[in-house]
Amino acid sequence: MHPNLKLLSASSNVLLHRCPRKFQLYRMMKSLKDPDAVEVHLDFGHWVGEGIQQYLVTGSREKAMMAMLMFNKGDLFSEEGQRDKKTFWHALVALDKFMELRHSDLQHYELVHVADAPAVELGFILNCVGGFTYRGFLDALLRNKLTNELVVLECKTSKFKQVHDAQYKNSGQGLGYSLVVDAISSQLTAAGTEVGSAWKVMYPIYLAGSYEWDLKMFPKGSSQRARWLSNLINDIQRVAEYDENSHFPMHGESCYDYFRPCEYFEVCEMSDSLLIGPEEKVKLIVDDEKRYSFKFDMMELVAAQQAKITDTEQE
């Protein structure tokens, strides 16, 4: 199997579930997107996320705003951004609204520090069976000063005026973060910082349509993480099966997604020899492992989970 197909993440697994063929082409061939096309929704999310992380670290609006500006990779004031209320100016409004949230609903939460470094943009790699890897990043890790509970902060943005719990509650992305939460929890306890045994994922969601933040909080437990690991193993087996059969199925219901046709629409039915060519000539996706502070082994996690189940049964 080509190494590119073994790189998994929360977003790639969602893509795999929606359309295996798109997952394959996304990993194995050059993007067909216009390199000069404006990615309004992605740019807006990056601006807001970068500003919030910097504000959590420094407490300074000016430094947060500068970080947002320095991170800019797109059009600050595109027509589409103005239509959807997602220009750079709208991102600044989102930052100001988050600052209000920080002093109200989030007033009892403090940013966790690990080895004297603020716990923002924490990267992790999970080494899985068959040479697969699962990678992810936490936006930030907070601690409730009243309950000592650790909370993963995962900021989102939406063009709508309201969102439903079902869009976030069972996200595999949040469950994967439990690996890092457990590791940091052990470090904090060893350093003398009191932390609770339970943890949650907090989703502050900026609703661009109403200029407001919607704060959603979901508790996570060991049984949910066990199911997440099981699902990840299933995904790995699914990719291996598709590759062995030289057939990644196309899901037609995903040809039109996120209000636009898939970038591979009308070419995905062509053969791999025409679209991808010889696999040995496919450019390898190289990821800088220095970006990831935490590394885990899947088999060790599975063994630990099985031990917990055994202990529970004996009790």
C-alpha atoms as a PDB file:
ATOM      1  CA  MET A   1       0.000   0.000   0.000  1.00  0.00           C
ATOM      2  CA  HIS A   2       1.237   3.481  -0.819  1.00  0.00           C
ATOM      3  CA  PRO A   3       2.365   5.380   2.343  1.00  0.00           C
ATOM      4  CA  ASN A   4       0.075   8.332   1.542  1.00  0.00           C
ATOM      5  CA  LEU A   5      -2.977   6.144   2.139  1.00  0.00           C
ATOM      6  CA  LYS A   6      -1.746   5.323   5.640  1.00  0.00           C
ATOM      7  CA  LEU A   7      -1.946   8.916   6.883  1.00  0.00           C
ATOM      8  CA  LEU A   8      -5.146   9.302   8.877  1.00  0.00           C
ATOM      9  CA  SER A   9      -6.693  12.177  10.814  1.00  0.00           C
ATOM     10  CA  ALA A  10     -10.135  13.284  11.952  1.00  0.00           C
ATOM     11  CA  SER A  11     -10.795  15.135   8.689  1.00  0.00           C
ATOM     12  CA  SER A  12      -9.419  12.378   6.441  1.00  0.00           C
ATOM     13  CA  ASN A  13     -11.534   9.759   8.217  1.00  0.00           C
ATOM     14  CA  VAL A  14     -14.650  11.861   7.670  1.00  0.00           C
ATOM     15  CA  LEU A  15     -13.658  12.027   4.016  1.00  0.00           C
ATOM     16  CA  LEU A  16     -13.161   8.249   3.948  1.00  0.00           C
ATOM     17  CA  HIS A  17     -16.671   7.730   5.313  1.00  0.00           C
ATOM     18  CA  ARG A  18     -18.262  10.188   2.901  1.00  0.00           C
ATOM     19  CA  CYS A  19     -16.519   8.934  -0.215  1.00  0.00           C
ATOM     20  CA  PRO A  20     -13.628   6.411  -0.269  1.00  0.00           C
ATOM     21  CA  ARG A  21     -12.812   7.378  -3.856  1.00  0.00           C
ATOM     22  CA  LYS A  22     -12.290  11.016  -2.892  1.00  0.00           C
ATOM     23  CA  PHE A  23     -10.127   9.920   0.040  1.00  0.00           C
ATOM     24  CA  GLN A  24      -7.944   7.938  -2.359  1.00  0.00           C
ATOM     25  CA  LEU A  25      -7.626  10.704  -4.958  1.00  0.00           C
ATOM     26  CA  TYR A  26      -7.035  13.361  -2.307  1.00  0.00           C
ATOM     27  CA  ARG A  27      -4.093  11.342  -1.007  1.00  0.00           C
ATOM     28  CA  MET A  28      -2.697  10.115  -4.337  1.00  0.00           C
ATOM     29  CA  MET A  29      -2.983  12.891  -6.910  1.00  0.00           C
ATOM     30  CA  LYS A  30      -2.503  16.601  -7.255  1.00  0.00           C
ATOM     31  CA  SER A  31      -5.433  18.726  -6.179  1.00  0.00           C
ATOM     32  CA  LEU A  32      -7.656  19.920  -9.008  1.00  0.00           C
ATOM     33  CA  LYS A  33      -8.668  23.048  -7.120  1.00  0.00           C
ATOM     34  CA  ASP A  34      -7.739  26.412  -8.543  1.00  0.00           C
ATOM     35  CA  PRO A  35      -4.640  27.465  -6.534  1.00  0.00           C
ATOM     36  CA  ASP A  36      -5.834  31.078  -6.680  1.00  0.00           C
ATOM     37  CA  ALA A  37      -9.367  30.283  -5.534  1.00  0.00           C
ATOM     38  CA  VAL A  38     -10.545  32.014  -2.371  1.00  0.00           C
ATOM     39  CA  GLU A  39     -11.252  29.608   0.518  1.00  0.00           C
ATOM     40  CA  VAL A  40     -13.448  31.907   2.573  1.00  0.00           C
ATOM     41  CA  HIS A  41     -14.639  29.419   5.179  1.00  0.00           C
ATOM     42  CA  LEU A  42     -11.187  27.926   5.789  1.00  0.00           C
ATOM     43  CA  ASP A  43      -9.493  31.320   5.978  1.00  0.00           C
ATOM     44  CA  PHE A  44     -12.094  32.644   8.400  1.00  0.00           C
ATOM     45  CA  GLY A  45     -11.748  29.609  10.659  1.00  0.00           C
ATOM     46  CA  HIS A  46      -7.954  29.960  10.665  1.00  0.00           C
ATOM     47  CA  TRP A  47      -8.104  33.663  11.513  1.00  0.00           C
ATOM     48  CA  VAL A  48     -10.504  33.145  14.392  1.00  0.00           C
ATOM     49  CA  GLY A  49      -8.644  30.098  15.729  1.00  0.00           C
ATOM     50  CA  GLU A  50      -5.265  31.820  15.612  1.00  0.00           C
ATOM     51  CA  GLY A  51      -6.625  34.906  17.351  1.00  0.00           C
ATOM     52  CA  ILE A  52      -8.249  32.919  20.149  1.00  0.00           C
ATOM     53  CA  GLN A  53      -5.123  30.860  20.821  1.00  0.00           C
ATOM     54  CA  GLN A  54      -2.984  33.985  21.013  1.00  0.00           C
ATOM     55  CA  TYR A  55      -5.498  35.727  23.265  1.00  0.00           C
ATOM     56  CA  LEU A  56      -5.598  32.741  25.631  1.00  0.00           C
ATOM     57  CA  VAL A  57      -1.799  32.808  25.873  1.00  0.00           C
ATOM     58  CA  THR A  58      -1.187  36.553  26.130  1.00  0.00           C
ATOM     59  CA  GLY A  59      -4.507  38.108  27.187  1.00  0.00           C
ATOM     60  CA  SER A  60      -3.772  40.861  24.656  1.00  0.00           C
ATOM     61  CA  ARG A  61      -6.215  41.842  21.907  1.00  0.00           C
ATOM     62  CA  GLU A  62      -3.451  43.603  19.992  1.00  0.00           C
ATOM     63  CA  LYS A  63      -1.194  40.530  19.950  1.00  0.00           C
ATOM     64  CA  ALA A  64      -4.123  38.330  18.999  1.00  0.00           C
ATOM     65  CA  MET A  65      -5.053  40.640  16.138  1.00  0.00           C
ATOM     66  CA  MET A  66      -1.443  40.729  14.906  1.00  0.00           C
ATOM     67  CA  ALA A  67      -1.275  36.922  15.003  1.00  0.00           C
ATOM     68  CA  MET A  68      -4.437  36.757  12.904  1.00  0.00           C
ATOM     69  CA  LEU A  69      -3.017  39.186  10.379  1.00  0.00           C
ATOM     70  CA  MET A  70       0.336  37.386  10.169  1.00  0.00           C
ATOM     71  CA  PHE A  71      -1.432  34.062   9.650  1.00  0.00           C
ATOM     72  CA  ASN A  72      -3.381  35.425   6.688  1.00  0.00           C
ATOM     73  CA  LYS A  73      -3.101  33.345   3.520  1.00  0.00           C
ATOM     74  CA  GLY A  74      -6.107  34.511   1.563  1.00  0.00           C
ATOM     75  CA  ASP A  75      -8.241  37.491   0.594  1.00  0.00           C
ATOM     76  CA  LEU A  76      -9.032  39.626   3.625  1.00  0.00           C
ATOM     77  CA  PHE A  77     -12.134  41.207   2.116  1.00  0.00           C
ATOM     78  CA  SER A  78     -13.417  38.923  -0.662  1.00  0.00           C
ATOM     79  CA  GLU A  79     -16.917  39.331  -2.091  1.00  0.00           C
ATOM     80  CA  GLU A  80     -17.883  35.851  -0.878  1.00  0.00           C
ATOM     81  CA  GLY A  81     -16.550  36.700   2.573  1.00  0.00           C
ATOM     82  CA  GLN A  82     -18.648  39.862   2.709  1.00  0.00           C
ATOM     83  CA  ARG A  83     -21.720  37.918   1.629  1.00  0.00           C
ATOM     84  CA  ASP A  84     -21.222  35.222   4.299  1.00  0.00           C
ATOM     85  CA  LYS A  85     -19.941  37.669   6.964  1.00  0.00           C
ATOM     86  CA  LYS A  86     -16.518  36.006   6.929  1.00  0.00           C
ATOM     87  CA  THR A  87     -14.017  38.727   6.072  1.00  0.00           C
ATOM     88  CA  PHE A  88     -11.040  39.608   8.260  1.00  0.00           C
ATOM     89  CA  TRP A  89     -13.096  42.351   9.896  1.00  0.00           C
ATOM     90  CA  HIS A  90     -15.770  39.814  10.786  1.00  0.00           C
ATOM     91  CA  ALA A  91     -13.021  37.639  12.304  1.00  0.00           C
ATOM     92  CA  LEU A  92     -12.060  40.563  14.537  1.00  0.00           C
ATOM     93  CA  VAL A  93     -15.695  40.798  15.655  1.00  0.00           C
ATOM     94  CA  ALA A  94     -15.540  37.093  16.514  1.00  0.00           C
ATOM     95  CA  LEU A  95     -12.394  37.738  18.572  1.00  0.00           C
ATOM     96  CA  ASP A  96     -14.041  40.584  20.489  1.00  0.00           C
ATOM     97  CA  LYS A  97     -17.087  38.422  21.159  1.00  0.00           C
ATOM     98  CA  PHE A  98     -14.810  35.637  22.432  1.00  0.00           C
ATOM     99  CA  MET A  99     -13.121  38.085  24.784  1.00  0.00           C
ATOM    100  CA  GLU A 100     -16.563  38.778  26.273  1.00  0.00           C
ATOM    101  CA  LEU A 101     -17.126  35.028  26.591  1.00  0.00           C
ATOM    102  CA  ARG A 102     -13.741  34.653  28.283  1.00  0.00           C
ATOM    103  CA  HIS A 103     -14.842  37.017  31.057  1.00  0.00           C
ATOM    104  CA  SER A 104     -18.296  35.476  31.499  1.00  0.00           C
ATOM    105  CA  ASP A 105     -18.919  31.785  30.797  1.00  0.00           C
ATOM    106  CA  LEU A 106     -15.187  30.964  30.719  1.00  0.00           C
ATOM    107  CA  GLN A 107     -14.090  33.086  33.658  1.00  0.00           C
ATOM    108  CA  HIS A 108     -13.311  30.063  35.866  1.00  0.00           C
ATOM    109  CA  TYR A 109     -11.132  28.346  33.250  1.00  0.00           C
ATOM    110  CA  GLU A 110      -7.367  28.763  33.012  1.00  0.00           C
ATOM    111  CA  LEU A 111      -5.013  27.739  30.231  1.00  0.00           C
ATOM    112  CA  VAL A 112      -2.970  24.680  31.191  1.00  0.00           C
ATOM    113  CA  HIS A 113       0.825  24.903  30.985  1.00  0.00           C
ATOM    114  CA  VAL A 114       2.950  21.833  30.323  1.00  0.00           C
ATOM    115  CA  ALA A 115       6.718  22.039  30.899  1.00  0.00           C
ATOM    116  CA  ASP A 116       6.305  25.830  31.232  1.00  0.00           C
ATOM    117  CA  ALA A 117       4.712  26.016  27.770  1.00  0.00           C
ATOM    118  CA  PRO A 118       1.075  27.013  27.136  1.00  0.00           C
ATOM    119  CA  ALA A 119      -1.092  24.076  26.052  1.00  0.00           C
ATOM    120  CA  VAL A 120      -2.230  25.397  22.675  1.00  0.00           C
ATOM    121  CA  GLU A 121      -1.979  23.744  19.255  1.00  0.00           C
ATOM    122  CA  LEU A 122      -0.822  20.478  20.824  1.00  0.00           C
ATOM    123  CA  GLY A 123       0.044  17.920  18.155  1.00  0.00           C
ATOM    124  CA  PHE A 124      -0.069  14.164  18.623  1.00  0.00           C
ATOM    125  CA  ILE A 125       0.635  11.034  16.567  1.00  0.00           C
ATOM    126  CA  LEU A 126      -0.891   7.625  17.182  1.00  0.00           C
ATOM    127  CA  ASN A 127       1.176   4.848  15.580  1.00  0.00           C
ATOM    128  CA  CYS A 128      -1.267   2.196  14.429  1.00  0.00           C
ATOM    129  CA  VAL A 129      -1.097  -1.305  12.989  1.00  0.00           C
ATOM    130  CA  GLY A 130       0.275  -1.856   9.502  1.00  0.00           C
ATOM    131  CA  GLY A 131       2.277   1.360   9.430  1.00  0.00           C
ATOM    132  CA  PHE A 132      -0.791   3.607   9.615  1.00  0.00           C
ATOM    133  CA  THR A 133      -0.658   6.793  11.694  1.00  0.00           C
ATOM    134  CA  TYR A 134      -3.409   8.994  13.099  1.00  0.00           C
ATOM    135  CA  ARG A 135      -2.502  12.644  13.663  1.00  0.00           C
ATOM    136  CA  GLY A 136      -4.282  15.534  15.324  1.00  0.00           C
ATOM    137  CA  PHE A 137      -4.007  18.902  17.052  1.00  0.00           C
ATOM    138  CA  LEU A 138      -5.789  20.281  20.116  1.00  0.00           C
ATOM    139  CA  ASP A 139      -6.690  23.953  19.924  1.00  0.00           C
ATOM    140  CA  ALA A 140      -6.140  24.360  23.682  1.00  0.00           C
ATOM    141  CA  LEU A 141      -6.408  22.576  27.013  1.00  0.00           C
ATOM    142  CA  LEU A 142      -8.110  24.379  29.896  1.00  0.00           C
ATOM    143  CA  ARG A 143      -8.572  23.589  33.588  1.00  0.00           C
ATOM    144  CA  ASN A 144     -11.614  24.525  35.621  1.00  0.00           C
ATOM    145  CA  LYS A 145     -10.220  26.257  38.710  1.00  0.00           C
ATOM    146  CA  LEU A 146     -13.317  25.361  40.741  1.00  0.00           C
ATOM    147  CA  THR A 147     -13.557  21.640  39.931  1.00  0.00           C
ATOM    148  CA  ASN A 148      -9.992  20.916  38.663  1.00  0.00           C
ATOM    149  CA  GLU A 149     -11.599  19.337  35.602  1.00  0.00           C
ATOM    150  CA  LEU A 150      -9.614  19.355  32.353  1.00  0.00           C
ATOM    151  CA  VAL A 151     -11.437  20.628  29.281  1.00  0.00           C
ATOM    152  CA  VAL A 152     -10.349  20.383  25.652  1.00  0.00           C
ATOM    153  CA  LEU A 153     -11.186  23.572  23.771  1.00  0.00           C
ATOM    154  CA  GLU A 154     -12.132  22.995  20.144  1.00  0.00           C
ATOM    155  CA  CYS A 155     -13.199  26.217  18.432  1.00  0.00           C
ATOM    156  CA  LYS A 156     -15.502  26.072  15.417  1.00  0.00           C
ATOM    157  CA  THR A 157     -17.117  28.586  13.095  1.00  0.00           C
ATOM    158  CA  SER A 158     -20.407  28.367  11.223  1.00  0.00           C
ATOM    159  CA  LYS A 159     -22.144  30.548   8.663  1.00  0.00           C
ATOM    160  CA  PHE A 160     -25.522  29.809  10.272  1.00  0.00           C
ATOM    161  CA  LYS A 161     -27.417  31.508  13.082  1.00  0.00           C
ATOM    162  CA  GLN A 162     -27.768  28.328  15.120  1.00  0.00           C
ATOM    163  CA  VAL A 163     -26.302  24.806  15.303  1.00  0.00           C
ATOM    164  CA  HIS A 164     -27.494  21.538  16.853  1.00  0.00           C
ATOM    165  CA  ASP A 165     -25.723  19.374  19.438  1.00  0.00           C
ATOM    166  CA  ALA A 166     -25.841  16.460  16.991  1.00  0.00           C
ATOM    167  CA  GLN A 167     -23.269  18.222  14.798  1.00  0.00           C
ATOM    168  CA  TYR A 168     -20.576  17.905  17.484  1.00  0.00           C
ATOM    169  CA  LYS A 169     -21.513  15.585  20.363  1.00  0.00           C
ATOM    170  CA  ASN A 170     -20.282  12.299  18.864  1.00  0.00           C
ATOM    171  CA  SER A 171     -17.391  13.665  16.845  1.00  0.00           C
ATOM    172  CA  GLY A 172     -14.439  11.265  16.728  1.00  0.00           C
ATOM    173  CA  GLN A 173     -12.143  14.277  16.694  1.00  0.00           C
ATOM    174  CA  GLY A 174     -12.887  15.069  20.323  1.00  0.00           C
ATOM    175  CA  LEU A 175     -12.508  11.469  21.469  1.00  0.00           C
ATOM    176  CA  GLY A 176      -9.039  11.226  19.935  1.00  0.00           C
ATOM    177  CA  TYR A 177      -7.940  14.066  22.177  1.00  0.00           C
ATOM    178  CA  SER A 178      -8.341  11.817  25.214  1.00  0.00           C
ATOM    179  CA  LEU A 179      -4.879  10.438  24.466  1.00  0.00           C
ATOM    180  CA  VAL A 180      -3.262  13.810  25.083  1.00  0.00           C
ATOM    181  CA  VAL A 181      -5.552  14.632  28.017  1.00  0.00           C
ATOM    182  CA  ASP A 182      -4.484  11.436  29.809  1.00  0.00           C
ATOM    183  CA  ALA A 183      -0.797  12.110  29.155  1.00  0.00           C
ATOM    184  CA  ILE A 184      -0.960  15.724  30.349  1.00  0.00           C
ATOM    185  CA  SER A 185      -3.107  14.754  33.330  1.00  0.00           C
ATOM    186  CA  SER A 186      -0.387  12.367  34.483  1.00  0.00           C
ATOM    187  CA  GLN A 187       2.270  15.063  34.052  1.00  0.00           C
ATOM    188  CA  LEU A 188       0.248  17.642  35.986  1.00  0.00           C
ATOM    189  CA  THR A 189      -0.453  15.192  38.809  1.00  0.00           C
ATOM    190  CA  ALA A 190       3.230  14.288  39.038  1.00  0.00           C
ATOM    191  CA  ALA A 191       4.071  18.002  39.230  1.00  0.00           C
ATOM    192  CA  GLY A 192       1.652  18.522  42.105  1.00  0.00           C
ATOM    193  CA  THR A 193      -1.235  20.137  40.179  1.00  0.00           C
ATOM    194  CA  GLU A 194      -4.603  18.733  41.175  1.00  0.00           C
ATOM    195  CA  VAL A 195      -6.755  17.594  38.256  1.00  0.00           C
ATOM    196  CA  GLY A 196     -10.033  15.710  38.150  1.00  0.00           C
ATOM    197  CA  SER A 197     -10.443  12.212  36.740  1.00  0.00           C
ATOM    198  CA  ALA A 198     -13.198  13.227  34.308  1.00  0.00           C
ATOM    199  CA  TRP A 199     -12.787  15.527  31.315  1.00  0.00           C
ATOM    200  CA  LYS A 200     -14.899  17.224  28.687  1.00  0.00           C
ATOM    201  CA  VAL A 201     -14.709  18.648  25.188  1.00  0.00           C
ATOM    202  CA  MET A 202     -15.892  22.248  24.935  1.00  0.00           C
ATOM    203  CA  TYR A 203     -17.010  23.592  21.563  1.00  0.00           C
ATOM    204  CA  PRO A 204     -17.220  27.385  21.375  1.00  0.00           C
ATOM    205  CA  ILE A 205     -18.950  27.808  17.998  1.00  0.00           C
ATOM    206  CA  TYR A 206     -18.987  31.223  16.376  1.00  0.00           C
ATOM    207  CA  LEU A 207     -22.246  31.781  14.497  1.00  0.00           C
ATOM    208  CA  ALA A 208     -21.363  34.251  11.769  1.00  0.00           C
ATOM    209  CA  GLY A 209     -25.025  34.676  10.899  1.00  0.00           C
ATOM    210  CA  SER A 210     -25.838  36.157  14.312  1.00  0.00           C
ATOM    211  CA  TYR A 211     -22.403  37.433  15.452  1.00  0.00           C
ATOM    212  CA  GLU A 212     -22.585  35.301  18.596  1.00  0.00           C
ATOM    213  CA  TRP A 213     -20.778  32.361  20.221  1.00  0.00           C
ATOM    214  CA  ASP A 214     -22.688  29.194  21.131  1.00  0.00           C
ATOM    215  CA  LEU A 215     -20.912  27.236  23.868  1.00  0.00           C
ATOM    216  CA  LYS A 216     -21.443  23.472  23.877  1.00  0.00           C
ATOM    217  CA  MET A 217     -19.892  21.038  26.381  1.00  0.00           C
ATOM    218  CA  PHE A 218     -19.803  17.258  26.169  1.00  0.00           C
ATOM    219  CA  PRO A 219     -18.377  14.848  28.792  1.00  0.00           C
ATOM    220  CA  LYS A 220     -16.158  12.015  27.559  1.00  0.00           C
ATOM    221  CA  GLY A 221     -15.511   8.645  29.185  1.00  0.00           C
ATOM    222  CA  SER A 222     -13.285   5.594  28.800  1.00  0.00           C
ATOM    223  CA  SER A 223     -16.021   3.545  27.122  1.00  0.00           C
ATOM    224  CA  GLN A 224     -16.372   6.171  24.394  1.00  0.00           C
ATOM    225  CA  ARG A 225     -12.632   6.110  23.809  1.00  0.00           C
ATOM    226  CA  ALA A 226     -12.762   2.312  23.515  1.00  0.00           C
ATOM    227  CA  ARG A 227     -15.362   2.664  20.771  1.00  0.00           C
ATOM    228  CA  TRP A 228     -13.231   5.332  19.072  1.00  0.00           C
ATOM    229  CA  LEU A 229     -10.233   2.978  18.991  1.00  0.00           C
ATOM    230  CA  SER A 230     -12.435   0.211  17.604  1.00  0.00           C
ATOM    231  CA  ASN A 231     -13.755   2.530  14.887  1.00  0.00           C
ATOM    232  CA  LEU A 232     -10.225   3.591  13.984  1.00  0.00           C
ATOM    233  CA  ILE A 233      -9.185  -0.065  13.579  1.00  0.00           C
ATOM    234  CA  ASN A 234     -12.217  -0.570  11.340  1.00  0.00           C
ATOM    235  CA  ASP A 235     -11.183   2.405   9.200  1.00  0.00           C
ATOM    236  CA  ILE A 236      -7.677   0.974   8.803  1.00  0.00           C
ATOM    237  CA  GLN A 237      -9.098  -2.393   7.775  1.00  0.00           C
ATOM    238  CA  ARG A 238     -11.436  -0.665   5.329  1.00  0.00           C
ATOM    239  CA  VAL A 239      -8.601   1.226   3.604  1.00  0.00           C
ATOM    240  CA  ALA A 240      -6.520  -1.967   3.433  1.00  0.00           C
ATOM    241  CA  GLU A 241      -9.436  -3.843   1.862  1.00  0.00           C
ATOM    242  CA  TYR A 242     -10.098  -1.121  -0.709  1.00  0.00           C
ATOM    243  CA  ASP A 243      -6.425  -1.038  -1.655  1.00  0.00           C
ATOM    244  CA  GLU A 244      -6.147  -4.832  -1.866  1.00  0.00           C
ATOM    245  CA  ASN A 245      -9.146  -4.937  -4.214  1.00  0.00           C
ATOM    246  CA  SER A 246      -7.833  -1.902  -6.171  1.00  0.00           C
ATOM    247  CA  HIS A 247     -11.246  -0.339  -5.769  1.00  0.00           C
ATOM    248  CA  PHE A 248     -12.163   2.658  -3.625  1.00  0.00           C
ATOM    249  CA  PRO A 249     -15.966   2.992  -3.949  1.00  0.00           C
ATOM    250  CA  MET A 250     -17.503   6.237  -5.124  1.00  0.00           C
ATOM    251  CA  HIS A 251     -20.389   7.554  -3.019  1.00  0.00           C
ATOM    252  CA  GLY A 252     -22.540   9.595  -5.361  1.00  0.00           C
ATOM    253  CA  GLU A 253     -24.424  11.249  -2.515  1.00  0.00           C
ATOM    254  CA  SER A 254     -21.205  13.112  -1.675  1.00  0.00           C
ATOM    255  CA  CYS A 255     -20.572  14.474  -5.179  1.00  0.00           C
ATOM    256  CA  TYR A 256     -22.203  17.744  -4.089  1.00  0.00           C
ATOM    257  CA  ASP A 257     -21.094  18.734  -0.622  1.00  0.00           C
ATOM    258  CA  TYR A 258     -20.548  21.967   1.283  1.00  0.00           C
ATOM    259  CA  PHE A 259     -22.687  23.838  -1.280  1.00  0.00           C
ATOM    260  CA  ARG A 260     -20.459  22.938  -4.235  1.00  0.00           C
ATOM    261  CA  PRO A 261     -19.525  19.967  -6.462  1.00  0.00           C
ATOM    262  CA  CYS A 262     -16.552  17.824  -5.461  1.00  0.00           C
ATOM    263  CA  GLU A 263     -13.290  18.907  -7.045  1.00  0.00           C
ATOM    264  CA  TYR A 264     -12.960  15.433  -8.608  1.00  0.00           C
ATOM    265  CA  PHE A 265     -16.498  15.383 -10.007  1.00  0.00           C
ATOM    266  CA  GLU A 266     -16.612  14.079 -13.605  1.00  0.00           C
ATOM    267  CA  VAL A 267     -13.035  12.771 -13.479  1.00  0.00           C
ATOM    268  CA  CYS A 268     -13.249  10.298 -10.573  1.00  0.00           C
ATOM    269  CA  GLU A 269     -14.757   7.644 -12.859  1.00  0.00           C
ATOM    270  CA  MET A 270     -11.557   7.534 -14.901  1.00  0.00           C
ATOM    271  CA  SER A 271      -9.076   4.736 -14.248  1.00  0.00           C
ATOM    272  CA  ASP A 272      -6.306   4.980 -11.670  1.00  0.00           C
ATOM    273  CA  SER A 273      -3.719   4.573 -14.433  1.00  0.00           C
ATOM    274  CA  LEU A 274      -4.937   7.817 -16.024  1.00  0.00           C
ATOM    275  CA  LEU A 275      -5.654   9.813 -12.877  1.00  0.00           C
ATOM    276  CA  ILE A 276      -2.866   8.630 -10.587  1.00  0.00           C
ATOM    277  CA  GLY A 277      -0.341   6.847 -12.788  1.00  0.00           C
ATOM    278  CA  PRO A 278       2.310   4.464 -11.417  1.00  0.00           C
ATOM    279  CA  GLU A 279       2.139   4.493  -7.606  1.00  0.00           C
ATOM    280  CA  GLU A 280       5.918   4.575  -7.306  1.00  0.00           C
ATOM    281  CA  LYS A 281       5.863   7.993  -8.975  1.00  0.00           C
ATOM    282  CA  VAL A 282       3.231   9.485  -6.643  1.00  0.00           C
ATOM    283  CA  LYS A 283       4.758  12.251  -4.568  1.00  0.00           C
ATOM    284  CA  LEU A 284       5.136  11.260  -0.934  1.00  0.00           C
ATOM    285  CA  ILE A 285       3.334  13.406   1.638  1.00  0.00           C
ATOM    286  CA  VAL A 286       6.047  14.422   4.091  1.00  0.00           C
ATOM    287  CA  ASP A 287       4.984  15.517   7.559  1.00  0.00           C
ATOM    288  CA  ASP A 288       7.332  17.188  10.026  1.00  0.00           C
ATOM    289  CA  GLU A 289       7.155  15.034  13.158  1.00  0.00           C
ATOM    290  CA  LYS A 290       8.636  17.874  15.202  1.00  0.00           C
ATOM    291  CA  ARG A 291       5.190  19.457  15.092  1.00  0.00           C
ATOM    292  CA  TYR A 292       3.866  16.669  17.317  1.00  0.00           C
ATOM    293  CA  SER A 293       4.662  16.828  21.013  1.00  0.00           C
ATOM    294  CA  PHE A 294       2.971  13.544  21.926  1.00  0.00           C
ATOM    295  CA  LYS A 295       3.408  10.084  20.407  1.00  0.00           C
ATOM    296  CA  PHE A 296       1.391   6.984  21.269  1.00  0.00           C
ATOM    297  CA  ASP A 297       1.223   3.342  20.207  1.00  0.00           C
ATOM    298  CA  MET A 298      -2.171   1.876  19.354  1.00  0.00           C
ATOM    299  CA  MET A 299      -1.427  -1.648  20.589  1.00  0.00           C
ATOM    300  CA  GLU A 300      -0.396  -0.302  23.995  1.00  0.00           C
ATOM    301  CA  LEU A 301      -3.659   1.647  24.184  1.00  0.00           C
ATOM    302  CA  VAL A 302      -5.696  -1.417  23.174  1.00  0.00           C
ATOM    303  CA  ALA A 303      -3.905  -3.526  25.813  1.00  0.00           C
ATOM    304  CA  ALA A 304      -4.553  -0.868  28.466  1.00  0.00           C
ATOM    305  CA  GLN A 305      -8.213  -0.692  27.478  1.00  0.00           C
ATOM    306  CA  GLN A 306      -8.560  -4.480  27.658  1.00  0.00           C
ATOM    307  CA  ALA A 307      -6.980  -4.443  31.131  1.00  0.00           C
ATOM    308  CA  LYS A 308      -9.556  -1.881  32.285  1.00  0.00           C
ATOM    309  CA  ILE A 309     -12.374  -4.049  30.970  1.00  0.00           C
ATOM    310  CA  THR A 310     -10.952  -7.098  32.743  1.00  0.00           C
ATOM    311  CA  ASP A 311     -10.594  -5.206  36.023  1.00  0.00           C
ATOM    312  CA  THR A 312     -14.190  -3.988  35.759  1.00  0.00           C
ATOM    313  CA  GLU A 313     -15.490  -7.511  35.104  1.00  0.00           C
ATOM    314  CA  GLN A 314     -13.593  -8.860  38.119  1.00  0.00           C
ATOM    315  CA  GLU A 315     -15.071  -6.170  40.343  1.00  0.00           C
END
